[in-house]
Amino acid sequence: MISSGRHPKKAIAEAIKHAREQGLIVIERHGGHRWGVIVCMRCKGRFSVWCTPRVPENDAAKIHRFCARHRECS
């Protein structure tokens, strides 16, 4: 099932929204189990977002950590 810009897991969808607010680029590109990628345009850092994580809250926390590490970049 292809979504229209929103991740199917609520915790991850909120983390992606936070990443967008921080100025990071979110590219929704489905391939296998990957939902998309979060990219820091200044340092070219990338974080893959998976569609079917075992524990969505853990992946959401990883997205928040990625945002915190790249806060100064954006």
N, C-alpha and C. Protein backbone atom coordinates (compact mmCIF):
# COMPACT_ATOMS: atom_id res chain seq x y z
N MET A 1 0.84 -1.18 0.00
CA MET A 1 0.00 0.00 0.00
C MET A 1 0.88 1.25 0.00
N ILE A 2 0.67 2.12 -0.92
CA ILE A 2 1.43 3.36 -1.03
C ILE A 2 0.67 4.46 -0.28
N SER A 3 1.37 5.14 0.61
CA SER A 3 0.73 6.21 1.36
C SER A 3 0.89 7.53 0.61
N SER A 4 0.17 8.51 1.04
CA SER A 4 0.26 9.82 0.40
C SER A 4 1.00 10.79 1.31
N GLY A 5 2.27 10.52 1.56
CA GLY A 5 3.09 11.42 2.35
C GLY A 5 3.05 11.20 3.84
N ARG A 6 2.34 10.19 4.30
CA ARG A 6 2.24 9.95 5.73
C ARG A 6 2.62 8.51 6.03
N HIS A 7 3.44 8.34 7.03
CA HIS A 7 3.87 7.00 7.43
C HIS A 7 2.71 6.29 8.12
N PRO A 8 2.55 4.97 7.92
CA PRO A 8 1.41 4.27 8.53
C PRO A 8 1.48 4.14 10.05
N LYS A 9 2.66 4.24 10.65
CA LYS A 9 2.79 4.15 12.11
C LYS A 9 2.77 5.55 12.71
N LYS A 10 1.90 5.76 13.69
CA LYS A 10 1.68 7.10 14.25
C LYS A 10 2.95 7.71 14.85
N ALA A 11 3.70 6.93 15.62
CA ALA A 11 4.90 7.47 16.28
C ALA A 11 5.93 7.93 15.24
N ILE A 12 6.08 7.16 14.18
CA ILE A 12 7.05 7.53 13.15
C ILE A 12 6.54 8.72 12.34
N ALA A 13 5.24 8.77 12.07
CA ALA A 13 4.67 9.90 11.35
C ALA A 13 4.92 11.21 12.10
N GLU A 14 4.79 11.18 13.42
CA GLU A 14 5.04 12.38 14.23
C GLU A 14 6.52 12.75 14.21
N ALA A 15 7.40 11.75 14.23
CA ALA A 15 8.84 12.03 14.17
C ALA A 15 9.21 12.61 12.81
N ILE A 16 8.60 12.13 11.75
CA ILE A 16 8.86 12.68 10.41
C ILE A 16 8.38 14.12 10.32
N LYS A 17 7.24 14.39 10.92
CA LYS A 17 6.72 15.77 10.95
C LYS A 17 7.72 16.68 11.68
N HIS A 18 8.27 16.18 12.78
CA HIS A 18 9.28 16.94 13.54
C HIS A 18 10.52 17.20 12.68
N ALA A 19 10.94 16.20 11.90
CA ALA A 19 12.10 16.35 11.03
C ALA A 19 11.85 17.44 9.98
N ARG A 20 10.66 17.44 9.42
CA ARG A 20 10.31 18.47 8.43
C ARG A 20 10.33 19.86 9.06
N GLU A 21 9.84 19.97 10.30
CA GLU A 21 9.84 21.25 11.00
C GLU A 21 11.26 21.73 11.29
N GLN A 22 12.20 20.79 11.46
CA GLN A 22 13.60 21.13 11.72
C GLN A 22 14.32 21.59 10.45
N GLY A 23 13.68 21.43 9.30
CA GLY A 23 14.28 21.85 8.04
C GLY A 23 14.96 20.72 7.29
N LEU A 24 14.79 19.49 7.74
CA LEU A 24 15.36 18.35 7.03
C LEU A 24 14.42 17.95 5.89
N ILE A 25 14.98 17.38 4.85
CA ILE A 25 14.21 16.97 3.68
C ILE A 25 13.76 15.52 3.86
N VAL A 26 12.48 15.27 3.64
CA VAL A 26 11.93 13.91 3.73
C VAL A 26 11.53 13.49 2.32
N ILE A 27 12.15 12.42 1.85
CA ILE A 27 11.86 11.89 0.53
C ILE A 27 11.15 10.57 0.69
N GLU A 28 9.91 10.52 0.24
CA GLU A 28 9.15 9.27 0.32
C GLU A 28 9.42 8.48 -0.95
N ARG A 29 10.19 7.42 -0.81
CA ARG A 29 10.53 6.58 -1.94
C ARG A 29 10.45 5.13 -1.48
N HIS A 30 9.40 4.47 -1.89
CA HIS A 30 9.15 3.10 -1.46
C HIS A 30 10.03 2.13 -2.25
N GLY A 31 10.60 1.18 -1.54
CA GLY A 31 11.40 0.14 -2.17
C GLY A 31 11.63 -0.97 -1.17
N GLY A 32 11.06 -2.11 -1.40
CA GLY A 32 11.17 -3.19 -0.43
C GLY A 32 10.44 -2.80 0.85
N HIS A 33 11.14 -2.83 1.96
CA HIS A 33 10.55 -2.43 3.24
C HIS A 33 10.85 -0.99 3.59
N ARG A 34 11.57 -0.29 2.74
CA ARG A 34 11.91 1.10 3.02
C ARG A 34 10.76 2.01 2.62
N TRP A 35 10.40 2.91 3.52
CA TRP A 35 9.35 3.88 3.26
C TRP A 35 9.92 5.12 2.58
N GLY A 36 11.10 5.53 3.04
CA GLY A 36 11.71 6.74 2.49
C GLY A 36 13.02 7.07 3.19
N VAL A 37 13.47 8.31 2.99
CA VAL A 37 14.76 8.75 3.51
C VAL A 37 14.61 10.17 4.06
N ILE A 38 15.29 10.44 5.17
CA ILE A 38 15.41 11.80 5.69
C ILE A 38 16.83 12.26 5.38
N VAL A 39 16.95 13.45 4.78
CA VAL A 39 18.25 13.92 4.30
C VAL A 39 18.55 15.30 4.89
N CYS A 40 19.77 15.46 5.37
CA CYS A 40 20.29 16.77 5.77
C CYS A 40 21.02 17.31 4.55
N MET A 41 20.54 18.40 3.97
CA MET A 41 21.11 18.90 2.72
C MET A 41 22.48 19.55 2.91
N ARG A 42 22.79 20.02 4.10
CA ARG A 42 24.09 20.69 4.30
C ARG A 42 25.22 19.70 4.39
N CYS A 43 25.06 18.62 5.16
CA CYS A 43 26.16 17.67 5.34
C CYS A 43 25.91 16.36 4.59
N LYS A 44 24.78 16.28 3.89
CA LYS A 44 24.40 15.10 3.11
C LYS A 44 24.19 13.86 3.97
N GLY A 45 23.88 14.04 5.26
CA GLY A 45 23.56 12.91 6.12
C GLY A 45 22.22 12.32 5.72
N ARG A 46 22.11 10.99 5.79
CA ARG A 46 20.90 10.30 5.38
C ARG A 46 20.45 9.33 6.48
N PHE A 47 19.14 9.19 6.59
CA PHE A 47 18.56 8.23 7.53
C PHE A 47 17.41 7.53 6.84
N SER A 48 17.49 6.20 6.72
CA SER A 48 16.42 5.43 6.08
C SER A 48 15.29 5.21 7.06
N VAL A 49 14.08 5.38 6.57
CA VAL A 49 12.87 5.15 7.36
C VAL A 49 12.20 3.89 6.82
N TRP A 50 11.97 2.94 7.71
CA TRP A 50 11.40 1.66 7.29
C TRP A 50 9.89 1.67 7.50
N CYS A 51 9.21 0.94 6.65
CA CYS A 51 7.75 0.89 6.68
C CYS A 51 7.22 -0.04 7.76
N THR A 52 7.96 -1.11 8.05
CA THR A 52 7.45 -2.12 8.97
C THR A 52 8.43 -2.37 10.12
N PRO A 53 8.66 -1.37 10.97
CA PRO A 53 9.58 -1.60 12.09
C PRO A 53 8.95 -2.51 13.14
N ARG A 54 9.80 -3.24 13.83
CA ARG A 54 9.30 -4.14 14.88
C ARG A 54 8.70 -3.32 16.04
N VAL A 55 9.42 -2.27 16.45
CA VAL A 55 8.94 -1.39 17.53
C VAL A 55 8.97 0.04 16.99
N PRO A 56 7.84 0.57 16.54
CA PRO A 56 7.82 1.90 15.92
C PRO A 56 8.35 3.01 16.83
N GLU A 57 8.14 2.89 18.13
CA GLU A 57 8.61 3.93 19.05
C GLU A 57 10.14 4.01 19.06
N ASN A 58 10.82 2.88 18.91
CA ASN A 58 12.28 2.89 18.86
C ASN A 58 12.78 3.59 17.60
N ASP A 59 12.15 3.30 16.47
CA ASP A 59 12.55 3.97 15.23
C ASP A 59 12.24 5.46 15.28
N ALA A 60 11.13 5.84 15.91
CA ALA A 60 10.81 7.25 16.08
C ALA A 60 11.88 7.95 16.92
N ALA A 61 12.35 7.28 17.96
CA ALA A 61 13.42 7.85 18.79
C ALA A 61 14.70 8.02 17.98
N LYS A 62 15.00 7.07 17.09
CA LYS A 62 16.18 7.19 16.24
C LYS A 62 16.05 8.39 15.30
N ILE A 63 14.85 8.64 14.79
CA ILE A 63 14.63 9.81 13.93
C ILE A 63 14.85 11.08 14.72
N HIS A 64 14.35 11.13 15.97
CA HIS A 64 14.55 12.31 16.81
C HIS A 64 16.04 12.54 17.09
N ARG A 65 16.81 11.46 17.32
CA ARG A 65 18.25 11.59 17.54
C ARG A 65 18.94 12.11 16.28
N PHE A 66 18.53 11.63 15.12
CA PHE A 66 19.10 12.13 13.86
C PHE A 66 18.83 13.62 13.72
N CYS A 67 17.62 14.04 14.05
CA CYS A 67 17.26 15.47 13.98
C CYS A 67 18.11 16.29 14.94
N ALA A 68 18.35 15.77 16.14
CA ALA A 68 19.15 16.49 17.13
C ALA A 68 20.61 16.63 16.66
N ARG A 69 21.16 15.57 16.03
CA ARG A 69 22.53 15.64 15.55
C ARG A 69 22.68 16.62 14.40
N HIS A 70 21.64 16.84 13.62
CA HIS A 70 21.72 17.69 12.44
C HIS A 70 21.00 19.01 12.62
N ARG A 71 20.70 19.37 13.86
CA ARG A 71 20.02 20.63 14.14
C ARG A 71 20.86 21.83 13.72
N GLU A 72 22.17 21.77 13.97
CA GLU A 72 23.04 22.88 13.62
C GLU A 72 23.27 22.99 12.12
N CYS A 73 23.14 21.88 11.42
CA CYS A 73 23.36 21.88 9.97
C CYS A 73 22.29 22.64 9.22
N SER A 74 21.03 22.43 9.59
CA SER A 74 19.92 22.98 8.79
C SER A 74 19.56 24.39 9.16
